C-alpha atoms as a PDB file:
ATOM      1  CA  MET A   1       0.000   0.000   0.000  1.00  0.00           C
ATOM      2  CA  GLU A   2       1.295   3.466  -0.842  1.00  0.00           C
ATOM      3  CA  PHE A   3       1.446   6.332   1.668  1.00  0.00           C
ATOM      4  CA  GLU A   4       2.334  10.009   1.831  1.00  0.00           C
ATOM      5  CA  VAL A   5       4.789  11.641   4.263  1.00  0.00           C
ATOM      6  CA  ILE A   6       3.395  14.897   5.646  1.00  0.00           C
ATOM      7  CA  ARG A   7       4.318  17.476   8.284  1.00  0.00           C
ATOM      8  CA  GLY A   8       1.850  18.758  10.843  1.00  0.00           C
ATOM      9  CA  ASP A   9       0.026  18.311  14.112  1.00  0.00           C
ATOM     10  CA  ILE A  10      -1.597  14.875  14.243  1.00  0.00           C
ATOM     11  CA  ALA A  11      -4.430  16.297  16.352  1.00  0.00           C
ATOM     12  CA  ALA A  12      -5.293  18.744  13.544  1.00  0.00           C
ATOM     13  CA  GLN A  13      -5.597  16.031  10.868  1.00  0.00           C
ATOM     14  CA  SER A  14      -8.873  14.927   9.333  1.00  0.00           C
ATOM     15  CA  ALA A  15      -9.044  11.156   8.808  1.00  0.00           C
ATOM     16  CA  ASP A  16     -11.208   8.172   9.660  1.00  0.00           C
ATOM     17  CA  ALA A  17      -8.555   7.031  12.155  1.00  0.00           C
ATOM     18  CA  LEU A  18      -5.610   8.662  13.899  1.00  0.00           C
ATOM     19  CA  VAL A  19      -2.887   6.522  15.483  1.00  0.00           C
ATOM     20  CA  ASN A  20      -1.581   7.307  18.948  1.00  0.00           C
ATOM     21  CA  ALA A  21       2.010   6.354  19.780  1.00  0.00           C
ATOM     22  CA  ALA A  22       1.136   4.551  23.011  1.00  0.00           C
ATOM     23  CA  GLY A  23       2.804   2.566  25.714  1.00  0.00           C
ATOM     24  CA  THR A  24       1.414  -0.705  27.012  1.00  0.00           C
ATOM     25  CA  SER A  25      -0.512   0.977  29.862  1.00  0.00           C
ATOM     26  CA  LEU A  26      -2.315   3.118  27.229  1.00  0.00           C
ATOM     27  CA  ARG A  27      -1.881   6.166  29.505  1.00  0.00           C
ATOM     28  CA  MET A  28      -1.616   9.164  27.191  1.00  0.00           C
ATOM     29  CA  GLY A  29       1.581  11.027  28.050  1.00  0.00           C
ATOM     30  CA  PRO A  30       3.622  13.539  26.003  1.00  0.00           C
ATOM     31  CA  GLY A  31       4.392  13.718  22.282  1.00  0.00           C
ATOM     32  CA  ALA A  32       1.759  12.523  19.811  1.00  0.00           C
ATOM     33  CA  ALA A  33      -0.303  11.136  22.698  1.00  0.00           C
ATOM     34  CA  GLY A  34      -0.316  14.519  24.410  1.00  0.00           C
ATOM     35  CA  ALA A  35      -1.364  16.317  21.235  1.00  0.00           C
ATOM     36  CA  LEU A  36      -4.201  13.845  20.677  1.00  0.00           C
ATOM     37  CA  ARG A  37      -5.279  14.025  24.327  1.00  0.00           C
ATOM     38  CA  ARG A  38      -5.416  17.825  24.245  1.00  0.00           C
ATOM     39  CA  GLY A  39      -7.194  17.888  20.879  1.00  0.00           C
ATOM     40  CA  ALA A  40      -9.734  15.239  21.800  1.00  0.00           C
ATOM     41  CA  GLY A  41     -10.817  16.695  25.112  1.00  0.00           C
ATOM     42  CA  GLY A  42     -13.382  14.574  26.869  1.00  0.00           C
ATOM     43  CA  ARG A  43     -12.453  11.261  28.398  1.00  0.00           C
ATOM     44  CA  ILE A  44     -10.069   9.879  25.761  1.00  0.00           C
ATOM     45  CA  ASN A  45      -7.266   9.163  28.260  1.00  0.00           C
ATOM     46  CA  GLU A  46      -9.630   7.420  30.662  1.00  0.00           C
ATOM     47  CA  GLU A  47     -11.250   5.398  27.848  1.00  0.00           C
ATOM     48  CA  ALA A  48      -7.824   4.368  26.560  1.00  0.00           C
ATOM     49  CA  MET A  49      -6.666   3.235  30.000  1.00  0.00           C
ATOM     50  CA  GLU A  50      -9.899   1.287  30.536  1.00  0.00           C
ATOM     51  CA  ASN A  51      -8.808  -0.823  27.526  1.00  0.00           C
ATOM     52  CA  GLY A  52      -5.365  -1.520  28.964  1.00  0.00           C
ATOM     53  CA  PRO A  53      -2.911  -2.631  29.691  1.00  0.00           C
ATOM     54  CA  VAL A  54      -2.178  -4.349  26.375  1.00  0.00           C
ATOM     55  CA  ASP A  55       0.754  -6.456  25.257  1.00  0.00           C
ATOM     56  CA  LEU A  56       3.653  -4.819  23.477  1.00  0.00           C
ATOM     57  CA  GLY A  57       2.758  -4.388  19.787  1.00  0.00           C
ATOM     58  CA  GLU A  58      -0.997  -4.605  20.400  1.00  0.00           C
ATOM     59  CA  VAL A  59      -3.594  -1.868  19.922  1.00  0.00           C
ATOM     60  CA  ALA A  60      -6.785  -0.572  21.523  1.00  0.00           C
ATOM     61  CA  VAL A  61      -9.376   1.602  19.803  1.00  0.00           C
ATOM     62  CA  THR A  62     -11.300   4.492  21.337  1.00  0.00           C
ATOM     63  CA  GLY A  63     -13.596   7.206  20.117  1.00  0.00           C
ATOM     64  CA  ALA A  64     -11.980  10.391  18.823  1.00  0.00           C
ATOM     65  CA  TYR A  65     -14.090  12.838  20.857  1.00  0.00           C
ATOM     66  CA  ASP A  66     -13.371  16.386  19.549  1.00  0.00           C
ATOM     67  CA  LEU A  67     -10.827  15.282  16.920  1.00  0.00           C
ATOM     68  CA  ASP A  68     -11.816  15.250  13.231  1.00  0.00           C
ATOM     69  CA  ALA A  69     -11.781  11.445  13.100  1.00  0.00           C
ATOM     70  CA  ASP A  70     -13.984   8.495  13.953  1.00  0.00           C
ATOM     71  CA  TYR A  71     -11.373   6.526  15.890  1.00  0.00           C
ATOM     72  CA  VAL A  72      -8.083   6.849  17.731  1.00  0.00           C
ATOM     73  CA  ILE A  73      -6.026   3.673  17.520  1.00  0.00           C
ATOM     74  CA  HIS A  74      -3.633   3.425  20.461  1.00  0.00           C
ATOM     75  CA  ALA A  75      -0.645   1.393  19.202  1.00  0.00           C
ATOM     76  CA  ALA A  76       1.658   0.141  21.988  1.00  0.00           C
ATOM     77  CA  ALA A  77       5.119   0.345  20.457  1.00  0.00           C
ATOM     78  CA  MET A  78       6.814   0.862  23.830  1.00  0.00           C
ATOM     79  CA  PRO A  79       6.506  -0.794  27.235  1.00  0.00           C
ATOM     80  CA  HIS A  80       5.461   1.185  30.280  1.00  0.00           C
ATOM     81  CA  TYR A  81       7.796  -0.956  32.390  1.00  0.00           C
ATOM     82  CA  GLY A  82      11.494  -1.822  32.457  1.00  0.00           C
ATOM     83  CA  ASP A  83      13.556   0.465  30.245  1.00  0.00           C
ATOM     84  CA  GLY A  84      10.537   1.808  28.300  1.00  0.00           C
ATOM     85  CA  GLN A  85      12.376   1.387  25.009  1.00  0.00           C
ATOM     86  CA  ALA A  86      10.723   0.437  21.726  1.00  0.00           C
ATOM     87  CA  THR A  87      12.221  -2.335  19.593  1.00  0.00           C
ATOM     88  CA  ALA A  88      12.155  -3.013  15.863  1.00  0.00           C
ATOM     89  CA  GLU A  89       9.666  -5.817  16.466  1.00  0.00           C
ATOM     90  CA  SER A  90       7.381  -3.747  18.712  1.00  0.00           C
ATOM     91  CA  ILE A  91       7.284  -0.964  16.106  1.00  0.00           C
ATOM     92  CA  ARG A  92       6.568  -3.442  13.300  1.00  0.00           C
ATOM     93  CA  GLU A  93       3.776  -5.188  15.242  1.00  0.00           C
ATOM     94  CA  ALA A  94       2.201  -1.951  16.510  1.00  0.00           C
ATOM     95  CA  THR A  95       2.190  -0.545  12.963  1.00  0.00           C
ATOM     96  CA  ARG A  96       0.714  -3.704  11.438  1.00  0.00           C
ATOM     97  CA  ASN A  97      -1.948  -3.979  14.146  1.00  0.00           C
ATOM     98  CA  ALA A  98      -2.883  -0.278  13.870  1.00  0.00           C
ATOM     99  CA  ILE A  99      -3.354  -0.534  10.104  1.00  0.00           C
ATOM    100  CA  ALA A 100      -5.387  -3.741  10.461  1.00  0.00           C
ATOM    101  CA  ALA A 101      -7.597  -2.163  13.165  1.00  0.00           C
ATOM    102  CA  ALA A 102      -8.410   0.736  10.827  1.00  0.00           C
ATOM    103  CA  ASP A 103      -9.040  -1.592   7.884  1.00  0.00           C
ATOM    104  CA  ASP A 104     -11.254  -3.852  10.052  1.00  0.00           C
ATOM    105  CA  ARG A 105     -13.396  -0.793  10.844  1.00  0.00           C
ATOM    106  CA  ASP A 106     -13.827   0.064   7.134  1.00  0.00           C
ATOM    107  CA  CYS A 107     -11.663   3.166   7.413  1.00  0.00           C
ATOM    108  CA  GLU A 108     -10.469   4.718   4.172  1.00  0.00           C
ATOM    109  CA  SER A 109      -7.984   7.167   5.723  1.00  0.00           C
ATOM    110  CA  LEU A 110      -5.376   6.824   8.460  1.00  0.00           C
ATOM    111  CA  VAL A 111      -2.707   9.119   9.926  1.00  0.00           C
ATOM    112  CA  ILE A 112       0.203   7.460  11.732  1.00  0.00           C
ATOM    113  CA  PRO A 113       3.193   9.024  13.543  1.00  0.00           C
ATOM    114  CA  ALA A 114       6.688   7.594  13.958  1.00  0.00           C
ATOM    115  CA  LEU A 115       5.737   4.970  16.550  1.00  0.00           C
ATOM    116  CA  GLY A 116       8.427   4.328  19.155  1.00  0.00           C
ATOM    117  CA  CYS A 117      10.721   7.069  17.850  1.00  0.00           C
ATOM    118  CA  GLY A 118       9.876   9.854  20.299  1.00  0.00           C
ATOM    119  CA  VAL A 119       9.653   9.209  24.028  1.00  0.00           C
ATOM    120  CA  ALA A 120      10.653   5.558  23.474  1.00  0.00           C
ATOM    121  CA  SER A 121      13.970   6.718  21.941  1.00  0.00           C
ATOM    122  CA  PHE A 122      14.144   4.356  18.951  1.00  0.00           C
ATOM    123  CA  ASP A 123      16.265   5.736  16.096  1.00  0.00           C
ATOM    124  CA  LEU A 124      13.962   7.752  13.805  1.00  0.00           C
ATOM    125  CA  GLU A 125      15.597   6.718  10.543  1.00  0.00           C
ATOM    126  CA  GLU A 126      15.475   3.012  11.400  1.00  0.00           C
ATOM    127  CA  GLY A 127      11.973   3.250  12.876  1.00  0.00           C
ATOM    128  CA  ALA A 128      10.629   5.148   9.863  1.00  0.00           C
ATOM    129  CA  ALA A 129      12.063   2.510   7.526  1.00  0.00           C
ATOM    130  CA  ILE A 130      10.300  -0.235   9.509  1.00  0.00           C
ATOM    131  CA  ILE A 131       6.993   1.661   9.534  1.00  0.00           C
ATOM    132  CA  GLY A 132       7.230   2.453   5.825  1.00  0.00           C
ATOM    133  CA  GLU A 133       8.011  -1.171   4.947  1.00  0.00           C
ATOM    134  CA  THR A 134       5.127  -2.420   7.114  1.00  0.00           C
ATOM    135  CA  ILE A 135       2.671  -0.026   5.477  1.00  0.00           C
ATOM    136  CA  ARG A 136       3.831  -1.014   1.976  1.00  0.00           C
ATOM    137  CA  GLU A 137       3.497  -4.743   2.746  1.00  0.00           C
ATOM    138  CA  TYR A 138      -0.080  -4.418   4.012  1.00  0.00           C
ATOM    139  CA  GLU A 139      -2.808  -5.362   1.556  1.00  0.00           C
ATOM    140  CA  PRO A 140      -5.780  -3.143   2.452  1.00  0.00           C
ATOM    141  CA  ARG A 141      -9.418  -3.942   2.088  1.00  0.00           C
ATOM    142  CA  THR A 142     -10.721  -0.381   2.553  1.00  0.00           C
ATOM    143  CA  LEU A 143      -7.726   1.845   3.365  1.00  0.00           C
ATOM    144  CA  SER A 144      -6.613   4.048   0.488  1.00  0.00           C
ATOM    145  CA  ASP A 145      -5.284   7.256   2.117  1.00  0.00           C
ATOM    146  CA  VAL A 146      -2.448   6.634   4.574  1.00  0.00           C
ATOM    147  CA  ARG A 147      -0.403   9.566   5.838  1.00  0.00           C
ATOM    148  CA  PHE A 148       2.837   9.130   7.810  1.00  0.00           C
ATOM    149  CA  ILE A 149       3.040  12.349   9.827  1.00  0.00           C
ATOM    150  CA  ALA A 150       6.097  14.200  11.099  1.00  0.00           C
ATOM    151  CA  HIS A 151       5.968  17.061  13.588  1.00  0.00           C
ATOM    152  CA  SER A 152       8.870  19.069  12.101  1.00  0.00           C
ATOM    153  CA  ASP A 153      10.504  19.699   8.731  1.00  0.00           C
ATOM    154  CA  GLU A 154      13.637  17.888   9.919  1.00  0.00           C
ATOM    155  CA  GLU A 155      11.632  14.824  10.993  1.00  0.00           C
ATOM    156  CA  ARG A 156       9.717  14.871   7.693  1.00  0.00           C
ATOM    157  CA  SER A 157      12.985  14.932   5.734  1.00  0.00           C
ATOM    158  CA  THR A 158      14.381  11.994   7.749  1.00  0.00           C
ATOM    159  CA  ILE A 159      11.171   9.969   7.278  1.00  0.00           C
ATOM    160  CA  ARG A 160      11.035  10.716   3.540  1.00  0.00           C
ATOM    161  CA  ASP A 161      14.665   9.646   3.094  1.00  0.00           C
ATOM    162  CA  ALA A 162      14.188   6.492   5.192  1.00  0.00           C
ATOM    163  CA  THR A 163      11.021   5.433   3.350  1.00  0.00           C
ATOM    164  CA  ALA A 164      12.038   6.304  -0.221  1.00  0.00           C
ATOM    165  CA  GLU A 165      11.902   3.386  -2.609  1.00  0.00           C
END
């Protein structure tokens, strides 16, 4: 499946589903999670935590509240225990499971950040390559508009270079 690399605030995006870079507890902390939590208002953090904890690489789905989306897919690419570090496998599984959750809900559009590459400290270039490869390998049923979002021009450039074919 093809995707576009964009720059912006994930909480300002319009899509059927937005992906939250979550930890296994599903507690919405800083980074993309913080932006989504602030943008959603309401009980999104409480609803997310009611669905957790989840295993590393798994996802939980909540409503999007005040965001311009139908769903927020909380993808656990990092543990909320031990060293809190993401791994290549946790990023790959969280990405695959987030895409499948959107596709299972008949979503046509999805916005995904660099899972595991912020607070979880995984190398952005390597993480972006894994995410890009996982998106490309997925055979969608309904998804047709997938956007890999960066929060800065520098991050966007790194993601574009890492995901170029």
